[in-house]
Protein backbone atom coordinates (compact mmCIF):
# COMPACT_ATOMS: atom_id res chain seq x y z
CA UNK A 1 22.24 -1.56 14.16
CA UNK A 2 19.75 -0.75 16.98
CA UNK A 3 17.62 -3.53 18.40
CA UNK A 4 14.03 -3.43 19.60
CA UNK A 5 14.50 -4.08 23.66
CA UNK A 6 11.49 -6.26 24.06
CA UNK A 7 11.04 -10.05 24.29
CA UNK A 8 10.98 -11.70 20.95
CA UNK A 9 7.37 -12.84 20.21
CA UNK A 10 5.46 -13.57 16.90
CA UNK A 11 3.13 -10.76 16.04
CA UNK A 12 0.02 -11.66 13.97
CA UNK A 13 0.10 -10.13 10.67
CA UNK A 14 -2.88 -7.94 10.17
CA UNK A 15 -5.40 -9.21 7.22
CA UNK A 16 -4.71 -6.65 4.52
CA UNK A 17 -5.54 -7.31 0.84
CA UNK A 18 -4.45 -5.81 -2.46
CA UNK A 19 -5.68 -6.71 -5.84
CA UNK A 20 -5.00 -6.26 -9.63
CA UNK A 21 -7.21 -6.80 -12.52
CA UNK A 22 -5.76 -6.88 -16.15
CA UNK A 23 -8.08 -6.69 -19.46
CA UNK A 24 -10.32 -8.25 -20.43
CA UNK A 25 -11.14 -8.85 -16.80
CA UNK A 26 -10.79 -5.23 -16.30
CA UNK A 27 -13.13 -3.04 -18.49
CA UNK A 28 -12.02 -0.64 -21.29
CA UNK A 29 -8.19 -1.56 -21.71
CA UNK A 30 -7.64 -0.40 -17.92
CA UNK A 31 -5.40 -2.15 -15.30
CA UNK A 32 -7.16 -1.61 -11.95
CA UNK A 33 -5.16 -1.90 -8.83
CA UNK A 34 -6.58 -1.75 -5.15
CA UNK A 35 -5.37 -2.10 -1.62
CA UNK A 36 -6.82 -1.91 1.90
CA UNK A 37 -4.10 -1.28 4.51
CA UNK A 38 -5.08 -2.81 7.76
CA UNK A 39 -3.17 -1.36 10.73
CA UNK A 40 -3.68 -0.66 14.48
CA UNK A 41 -7.21 1.12 14.94
CA UNK A 42 -5.58 4.29 16.45
CA UNK A 43 -2.98 4.88 13.57
CA UNK A 44 -3.14 7.75 11.47
CA UNK A 45 -2.33 7.61 7.65
CA UNK A 46 -1.39 10.73 5.69
CA UNK A 47 -1.42 11.19 1.84
CA UNK A 48 1.78 12.74 0.66
CA UNK A 49 2.89 14.02 -2.74
CA UNK A 50 6.81 14.41 -3.12
CA UNK A 51 8.06 15.88 -6.44
CA UNK A 52 10.71 14.58 -8.64
CA UNK A 53 14.29 15.69 -7.38
CA UNK A 54 18.00 15.65 -8.21
CA UNK A 55 20.25 14.72 -5.54
CA UNK A 56 23.96 15.55 -4.65
CA UNK A 57 26.53 12.72 -5.30
CA UNK A 58 27.24 10.58 -2.30
CA UNK A 59 24.19 11.84 -0.46
CA UNK A 60 22.15 9.55 1.86
CA UNK A 61 18.38 9.26 2.52
CA UNK A 62 17.11 8.65 5.96
CA UNK A 63 14.55 5.67 5.78
CA UNK A 64 12.43 4.91 8.99
CA UNK A 65 15.36 3.40 10.99
CA UNK A 66 18.48 3.45 8.65
CA UNK A 67 20.25 5.90 6.17
CA UNK A 68 21.12 4.34 2.78
CA UNK A 69 22.85 5.71 -0.36
CA UNK A 70 20.47 8.12 -2.39
CA UNK A 71 20.35 7.96 -6.15
CA UNK A 72 20.91 10.83 -8.55
CA UNK A 73 17.33 11.42 -9.17
CA UNK A 74 14.15 10.13 -7.69
CA UNK A 75 10.61 10.11 -9.36
CA UNK A 76 7.56 12.13 -8.40
CA UNK A 77 5.45 9.98 -6.11
CA UNK A 78 2.16 10.14 -4.06
CA UNK A 79 1.93 7.74 -1.08
CA UNK A 80 -0.33 6.77 1.63
CA UNK A 81 1.73 6.02 4.86
CA UNK A 82 1.41 5.72 8.57
CA UNK A 83 2.31 9.18 9.76
CA UNK A 84 5.05 8.22 12.21
CA UNK A 85 7.45 6.43 9.30
CA UNK A 86 9.26 7.47 6.20
CA UNK A 87 8.01 4.69 3.91
CA UNK A 88 4.51 3.88 2.59
CA UNK A 89 2.01 1.36 2.77
CA UNK A 90 0.67 2.07 -0.70
CA UNK A 91 1.32 4.54 -3.59
CA UNK A 92 2.02 5.32 -7.20
CA UNK A 93 4.63 7.31 -9.17
CA UNK A 94 4.67 9.72 -12.11
CA UNK A 95 5.36 6.52 -14.62
CA UNK A 96 2.33 4.79 -13.57
CA UNK A 97 3.88 2.37 -11.34
CA UNK A 98 1.87 1.18 -8.25
CA UNK A 99 3.08 -0.81 -5.27
CA UNK A 100 1.24 -2.23 -2.14
CA UNK A 101 3.12 -3.94 0.75
CA UNK A 102 1.69 -6.73 2.79
CA UNK A 103 3.02 -8.04 6.35
CA UNK A 104 3.52 -11.49 6.49
CA UNK A 105 4.16 -14.42 8.80
CA UNK A 106 6.58 -17.03 7.90
CA UNK A 107 8.29 -20.03 9.50
CA UNK A 108 11.33 -17.71 9.83
CA UNK A 109 10.43 -14.68 11.93
CA UNK A 110 11.72 -11.47 10.68
CA UNK A 111 14.49 -9.79 12.63
CA UNK A 112 14.09 -7.19 15.38
CA UNK A 113 17.27 -5.43 14.29
CA UNK A 114 16.47 -2.33 12.52
CA UNK A 115 17.04 -2.18 8.99
CA UNK A 116 14.52 -1.47 6.06
CA UNK A 117 10.97 -1.81 6.66
CA UNK A 118 8.73 -3.29 3.89
CA UNK A 119 6.97 0.14 3.86
CA UNK A 120 10.50 1.65 3.17
CA UNK A 121 10.94 -0.56 0.16
CA UNK A 122 7.66 0.41 -1.25
CA UNK A 123 8.51 4.15 -1.33
CA UNK A 124 12.06 3.30 -2.60
CA UNK A 125 10.63 1.10 -5.41
CA UNK A 126 8.53 3.94 -6.51
CA UNK A 127 11.02 6.69 -6.18
CA UNK A 128 13.54 4.60 -8.26
CA UNK A 129 11.56 2.24 -10.75
CA UNK A 130 9.98 3.76 -13.96
CA UNK A 131 8.32 0.40 -14.60
CA UNK A 132 7.06 -2.52 -12.51
CA UNK A 133 9.97 -4.65 -13.58
CA UNK A 134 12.61 -1.77 -12.52
CA UNK A 135 10.89 -1.28 -9.23
CA UNK A 136 10.87 -5.03 -8.38
CA UNK A 137 14.63 -4.96 -9.25
CA UNK A 138 15.19 -1.92 -6.90
CA UNK A 139 13.48 -3.74 -3.90
CA UNK A 140 15.40 -6.95 -4.28
CA UNK A 141 18.62 -5.32 -4.57
CA UNK A 142 18.04 -3.10 -1.66
CA UNK A 143 16.62 -6.15 0.42
CA UNK A 144 19.78 -8.02 -0.33
CA UNK A 145 22.10 -5.20 0.61
CA UNK A 146 20.51 -3.90 3.70
CA UNK A 147 18.09 -6.45 4.97
CA UNK A 148 14.45 -5.89 6.57
CA UNK A 149 13.60 -5.73 10.21
CA UNK A 150 12.57 -3.31 13.00
CA UNK A 151 9.22 -2.57 14.71
CA UNK A 152 6.21 -2.24 12.17
CA UNK A 153 4.07 -0.53 14.69
CA UNK A 154 4.38 2.63 16.81
CA UNK A 155 4.46 0.63 19.79
CA UNK A 156 6.70 1.28 23.03
CA UNK A 157 5.62 -2.00 24.80
CA UNK A 158 6.36 -4.65 22.14
CA UNK A 159 8.34 -5.20 18.98
CA UNK A 160 6.08 -6.31 16.14
CA UNK A 161 8.32 -7.79 13.10
CA UNK A 162 7.08 -9.15 9.71
CA UNK A 163 8.44 -10.33 6.49
CA UNK A 164 6.93 -8.69 3.52
CA UNK A 165 5.23 -9.26 0.22
CA UNK A 166 4.50 -6.80 -2.58
CA UNK A 167 2.25 -6.24 -5.40
CA UNK A 168 4.04 -4.04 -8.10
CA UNK A 169 2.04 -3.11 -11.14
CA UNK A 170 2.41 -0.71 -14.07
CA UNK A 171 0.28 -0.49 -17.15
CA UNK A 172 1.40 -3.70 -19.02
CA UNK A 173 2.27 -6.20 -16.17
CA UNK A 174 2.54 -6.79 -12.41
CA UNK A 175 5.01 -8.69 -10.20
CA UNK A 176 4.14 -10.50 -6.87
CA UNK A 177 7.11 -10.54 -4.81
CA UNK A 178 7.33 -12.47 -1.61
CA UNK A 179 10.29 -12.25 0.97
CA UNK A 180 11.89 -14.26 3.72
CA UNK A 181 14.72 -12.19 5.13
CA UNK A 182 17.03 -11.23 2.18
CA UNK A 183 15.72 -14.16 0.22
CA UNK A 184 12.81 -13.83 -2.18
CA UNK A 185 10.66 -15.22 -5.10
CA UNK A 186 8.52 -13.61 -7.76
CA UNK A 187 5.87 -14.18 -10.22
CA UNK A 188 5.08 -12.16 -13.33
CA UNK A 189 1.40 -11.52 -14.06
CA UNK A 190 -0.07 -10.01 -17.43
CA UNK A 191 -3.66 -11.22 -17.32
CA UNK A 192 -6.48 -11.93 -15.20
CA UNK A 193 -7.02 -10.91 -11.54
CA UNK A 194 -4.58 -11.52 -8.67
CA UNK A 195 -4.94 -11.07 -4.79
CA UNK A 196 -2.18 -10.68 -2.49
CA UNK A 197 -2.74 -10.73 1.22
CA UNK A 198 -0.94 -11.41 4.66
CA UNK A 199 0.05 -15.14 3.64
CA UNK A 200 2.40 -16.22 1.14
CA UNK A 201 0.78 -16.97 -2.23
CA UNK A 202 3.38 -18.12 -4.66
CA UNK A 203 3.63 -21.96 -5.18
CA UNK A 204 5.66 -23.75 -7.83
CA UNK A 205 5.33 -21.03 -10.76
CA UNK A 206 8.20 -18.58 -10.14
CA UNK A 207 9.64 -16.38 -12.76
CA UNK A 208 12.53 -15.08 -10.57
CA UNK A 209 14.11 -16.08 -7.44
CA UNK A 210 17.16 -15.25 -5.19
CA UNK A 211 20.19 -17.25 -6.51
CA UNK A 212 20.60 -19.01 -3.08
CA UNK A 213 16.92 -19.49 -2.17
CA UNK A 214 16.59 -23.27 -2.52
CA UNK A 215 20.04 -23.82 -1.17
CA UNK A 216 18.99 -21.89 1.92
CA UNK A 217 15.73 -23.69 2.27
CA UNK A 218 17.66 -27.04 2.01
CA UNK A 219 20.26 -25.73 4.58
CA UNK A 220 17.32 -25.02 6.93
CA UNK A 221 16.01 -28.61 6.75
CA UNK A 222 12.70 -27.30 5.08
CA UNK A 223 13.18 -28.80 1.58
CA UNK A 224 15.06 -31.55 -0.08
CA UNK A 225 16.22 -31.63 -3.77
CA UNK A 226 13.98 -34.73 -4.40
CA UNK A 227 10.91 -32.76 -3.74
CA UNK A 228 9.11 -30.19 -5.97
CA UNK A 229 9.94 -26.68 -4.78
CA UNK A 230 6.76 -25.05 -3.63
CA UNK A 231 7.48 -21.66 -2.12
CA UNK A 232 4.50 -21.19 0.19
CA UNK A 233 4.75 -24.87 1.34
CA UNK A 234 8.51 -24.46 2.06
CA UNK A 235 8.21 -21.10 3.99
CA UNK A 236 4.78 -21.05 5.34
CA UNK A 237 4.29 -21.75 9.06
CA UNK A 238 2.71 -25.11 9.47
CA UNK A 239 -0.94 -24.04 9.85
CA UNK A 240 -0.85 -21.14 7.27
CA UNK A 241 -1.87 -22.50 4.05
CA UNK A 242 -5.33 -21.08 3.76
CA UNK A 243 -4.80 -18.60 1.22
CA UNK A 244 -6.57 -15.33 0.68
CA UNK A 245 -9.85 -17.06 0.83
CA UNK A 246 -12.30 -14.36 1.56
CA UNK A 247 -10.50 -11.97 -1.09
CA UNK A 248 -10.91 -14.74 -3.79
CA UNK A 249 -14.42 -15.36 -2.72
CA UNK A 250 -15.23 -11.60 -3.19
CA UNK A 251 -13.57 -11.53 -6.59
CA UNK A 252 -15.67 -14.63 -7.74
CA UNK A 253 -18.76 -12.82 -7.41
CA UNK A 254 -17.54 -10.48 -10.07
CA UNK A 255 -16.51 -13.31 -12.38
CA UNK A 256 -19.32 -12.66 -14.99
CA UNK A 257 -18.61 -8.95 -15.21
CA UNK A 258 -15.69 -6.72 -16.19
CA UNK A 259 -13.91 -5.01 -13.20
CA UNK A 260 -14.10 -1.33 -12.93
CA UNK A 261 -12.82 1.33 -10.67
CA UNK A 262 -16.27 1.26 -8.76
CA UNK A 263 -16.10 -2.55 -8.60
CA UNK A 264 -12.71 -2.32 -6.97
CA UNK A 265 -13.94 0.30 -4.47
CA UNK A 266 -16.98 -2.09 -3.62
CA UNK A 267 -14.48 -4.92 -3.13
CA UNK A 268 -12.44 -2.85 -0.68
CA UNK A 269 -15.59 -1.70 1.26
CA UNK A 270 -16.74 -5.33 1.85
CA UNK A 271 -16.88 -6.03 5.42
CA UNK A 272 -18.74 -9.15 5.29
CA UNK A 273 -15.70 -10.78 3.41
CA UNK A 274 -13.17 -9.58 5.95
CA UNK A 275 -11.62 -7.48 3.07
CA UNK A 276 -12.62 -4.28 4.93
CA UNK A 277 -11.21 -4.94 8.27
CA UNK A 278 -12.72 -3.54 11.62
CA UNK A 279 -11.86 -5.56 14.61
CA UNK A 280 -10.72 -4.80 18.06
CA UNK A 281 -7.06 -4.51 17.13
CA UNK A 282 -7.05 -3.52 13.48
CA UNK A 283 -8.86 -1.43 11.08
CA UNK A 284 -8.53 -0.44 7.41
CA UNK A 285 -6.89 2.78 7.99
CA UNK A 286 -6.50 3.78 4.46
CA UNK A 287 -7.35 2.69 1.07
CA UNK A 288 -6.15 3.31 -2.59
CA UNK A 289 -7.54 2.37 -6.11
CA UNK A 290 -5.58 3.13 -9.18
CA UNK A 291 -6.77 2.99 -12.74
CA UNK A 292 -3.81 2.60 -15.45
CA UNK A 293 -4.79 2.65 -19.06
CA UNK A 294 -3.06 0.37 -21.25
CA UNK A 295 -2.73 2.91 -23.83
CA UNK A 296 0.07 5.42 -23.11
CA UNK A 297 -1.82 8.49 -23.98
CA UNK A 298 -4.44 8.54 -21.21
CA UNK A 299 -3.35 9.56 -17.68
CA UNK A 300 -3.27 7.31 -14.71
CA UNK A 301 -5.61 8.20 -11.86
CA UNK A 302 -4.96 7.27 -8.43
CA UNK A 303 -7.78 7.38 -5.75
CA UNK A 304 -7.02 7.77 -2.07
CA UNK A 305 -9.20 7.93 1.02
CA UNK A 306 -6.86 9.37 3.41
CA UNK A 307 -9.20 8.14 6.19
CA UNK A 308 -10.14 5.04 7.93
CA UNK A 309 -12.96 2.43 6.68
CA UNK A 310 -13.57 2.74 3.02
CA UNK A 311 -17.12 1.93 3.60
CA UNK A 312 -17.55 5.32 5.35
CA UNK A 313 -14.86 7.18 3.38
CA UNK A 314 -14.80 8.85 0.04
CA UNK A 315 -12.23 8.03 -2.69
CA UNK A 316 -10.56 11.13 -4.01
CA UNK A 317 -8.78 11.35 -7.26
CA UNK A 318 -5.16 12.39 -8.01
CA UNK A 319 -3.34 12.79 -11.30
CA UNK A 320 0.40 13.44 -11.73
CA UNK A 321 1.12 16.77 -13.72
CA UNK A 322 3.57 19.39 -13.16
CA UNK A 323 3.05 21.80 -10.45
CA UNK A 324 0.86 19.52 -8.26
CA UNK A 325 -0.72 21.67 -5.46
CA UNK A 326 0.27 20.14 -2.04
CA UNK A 327 -2.45 19.38 0.46
CA UNK A 328 -1.46 20.01 4.09
CA UNK A 329 -4.86 19.09 5.30
CA UNK A 330 -4.13 15.16 4.75
CA UNK A 331 -0.64 15.71 6.24
CA UNK A 332 0.21 14.93 9.87
CA UNK A 333 1.86 17.39 12.29
CA UNK A 334 5.63 17.22 11.72
CA UNK A 335 7.57 16.75 15.12
CA UNK A 336 11.22 17.03 13.58
CA UNK A 337 13.95 15.38 15.51
CA UNK A 338 11.72 15.53 18.75
CA UNK A 339 9.47 12.83 17.19
CA UNK A 340 9.26 9.75 19.55
CA UNK A 341 9.56 7.58 16.49
CA UNK A 342 12.99 9.10 15.85
CA UNK A 343 14.44 9.33 19.45
CA UNK A 344 16.02 6.25 21.06
CA UNK A 345 14.59 4.48 22.89
CA UNK A 346 11.75 4.72 20.49
CA UNK A 347 8.00 5.14 20.94
CA UNK A 348 8.13 6.26 24.69
CA UNK A 349 5.29 8.70 23.72
CA UNK A 350 2.55 8.59 21.05
CA UNK A 351 1.77 12.16 19.68
CA UNK A 352 -1.48 13.10 18.27
CA UNK A 353 -0.70 12.57 14.51
CA UNK A 354 -4.26 13.33 13.33
CA UNK A 355 -4.44 15.73 10.44
CA UNK A 356 -7.34 17.98 9.41
CA UNK A 357 -9.25 15.67 7.18
CA UNK A 358 -8.84 12.75 9.86
CA UNK A 359 -10.46 14.85 12.48
CA UNK A 360 -13.26 16.09 10.20
CA UNK A 361 -13.95 12.34 9.25
CA UNK A 362 -14.09 11.38 12.80
CA UNK A 363 -17.01 13.45 13.23
CA UNK A 364 -18.65 11.94 10.11
CA UNK A 365 -17.87 8.51 11.40
CA UNK A 366 -19.45 9.23 14.81
CA UNK A 367 -22.57 10.37 13.06
CA UNK A 368 -22.90 7.45 11.08
CA UNK A 369 -22.39 5.02 13.97
CA UNK A 370 -24.69 6.92 16.47
CA UNK A 371 -27.46 8.28 14.32
CA UNK A 372 -29.11 6.11 11.91
CA UNK A 373 -31.21 8.59 9.90
CA UNK A 374 -28.68 11.42 9.93
CA UNK A 375 -25.92 8.84 9.18
CA UNK A 376 -27.78 7.47 6.28
CA UNK A 377 -28.11 10.92 4.65
CA UNK A 378 -24.60 11.79 5.47
CA UNK A 379 -23.34 8.50 3.77
CA UNK A 380 -25.53 9.20 0.61
CA UNK A 381 -24.19 12.79 0.28
CA UNK A 382 -20.62 11.42 0.59
CA UNK A 383 -21.15 8.81 -2.01
CA UNK A 384 -22.73 11.48 -4.33
CA UNK A 385 -19.64 13.58 -3.94
CA UNK A 386 -17.44 10.52 -4.75
CA UNK A 387 -19.73 9.81 -7.82
CA UNK A 388 -19.22 13.36 -9.25
CA UNK A 389 -15.36 12.75 -9.03
CA UNK A 390 -15.57 9.46 -10.84
CA UNK A 391 -17.69 10.81 -13.47
CA UNK A 392 -15.21 13.71 -14.03
CA UNK A 393 -12.28 11.30 -14.19
CA UNK A 394 -14.30 9.10 -16.64
CA UNK A 395 -14.68 12.10 -19.01
CA UNK A 396 -10.89 12.57 -19.01
CA UNK A 397 -10.32 8.99 -19.69
CA UNK A 398 -12.69 8.87 -22.49
CA UNK A 399 -11.63 12.20 -24.10
CA UNK A 400 -9.51 12.37 -27.01
CA UNK A 401 -8.21 15.85 -26.22
CA UNK A 402 -4.88 16.22 -24.48
CA UNK A 403 -5.04 16.58 -20.74
CA UNK A 404 -4.79 20.17 -19.67
CA UNK A 405 -2.36 20.13 -16.63
CA UNK A 406 -3.83 23.39 -15.02
CA UNK A 407 -7.16 21.71 -14.83
CA UNK A 408 -5.91 18.76 -12.57
CA UNK A 409 -3.02 20.16 -10.62
CA UNK A 410 -5.43 21.35 -7.73
CA UNK A 411 -7.71 18.21 -8.18
CA UNK A 412 -6.83 16.24 -5.04
CA UNK A 413 -6.50 19.46 -2.91
CA UNK A 414 -10.03 20.67 -4.06
CA UNK A 415 -11.50 17.05 -3.30
CA UNK A 416 -10.13 17.10 0.36
CA UNK A 417 -11.17 20.83 0.84
CA UNK A 418 -14.63 20.03 -0.33
CA UNK A 419 -14.92 17.06 1.90
CA UNK A 420 -13.89 18.96 4.96
CA UNK A 421 -16.25 21.85 4.49
CA UNK A 422 -18.92 19.50 3.88
CA UNK A 423 -18.40 17.73 7.12
CA UNK A 424 -18.19 21.16 8.81
């Protein structure tokens, strides 16, 4: 394994948040999933659709840092990812499975040795799991086999390493999975609302755990068998028991109402609570909201921004059908084997990874920030555009007619194209 060649130091996990709401808290028999990805301010995220595929026996898949055995068939996926790496911060697959990843600090630092990143495990779970439970089992199996580690950021000066937590959701249930190296614990969720952030959240209720988890904690001197086993208390850093306070407060504002896709988008746009991150170091660089109807006949709908700051971005819908049209305008330039993220030593340069939508959106953000009147008009028009998309998707969900795949194969492509033309 290769190692980051920098002094070991504890990086601060950015305050990302992800949420799930189940009926009856979510409206109309829908499961609603949302995630804000807080990353370094200048990092670009792209939205990529990858079709289902068959693979040759004994073939390998090249993840961000290491190659692992490929499976015979991978599911179709759509993901939002930092453009320099292989995995994903968040995404969905053709079977209605959605996964989000959070970087977390624990009392055991993540290794600098290059293994699977938490983002790699998000993509692998989506590619290989047809249900939330299957995806969860894929992730823990690969974690135990290959471990996690390596630089989380495209940074040639420092190595930033984190442990990972995951929110894994389908139409029927969700799994909260939190990891410490190859060790893990998980809780199954089938009702209510749940938030996962950059701190451990599991306590004494665990529906599954690594067979050696408690022995490991005891061996480290962090727990004794005469104590109740509280996962967060055992593995958190001493001063890190705050929980996802701002996110919970934001959710509590909506206690009296059913949570809709619009509610979730508003939560992700909430800067006052800190859910929408905009600091000197970090920014919400991309966001996702997914709507998963519990009745199997209606399609799942996945909304991506593909641009930073959801309070100044448009959520655009995507639906899985055959012959989905690829969208190059939300995909970053490819540098192949010459990419500084692939060459060792890594990250000696940082190429321009901005895609066409990102560049157009930079103009919009500048207008909103620097011209109050024009910015207000621009933001209103952007939200009107988003509202049209939401209304069209509501019609699809409420219709009793079968979905015509030809009507939505170009859906995300057309939304991106319209947004770019509007900015110009």
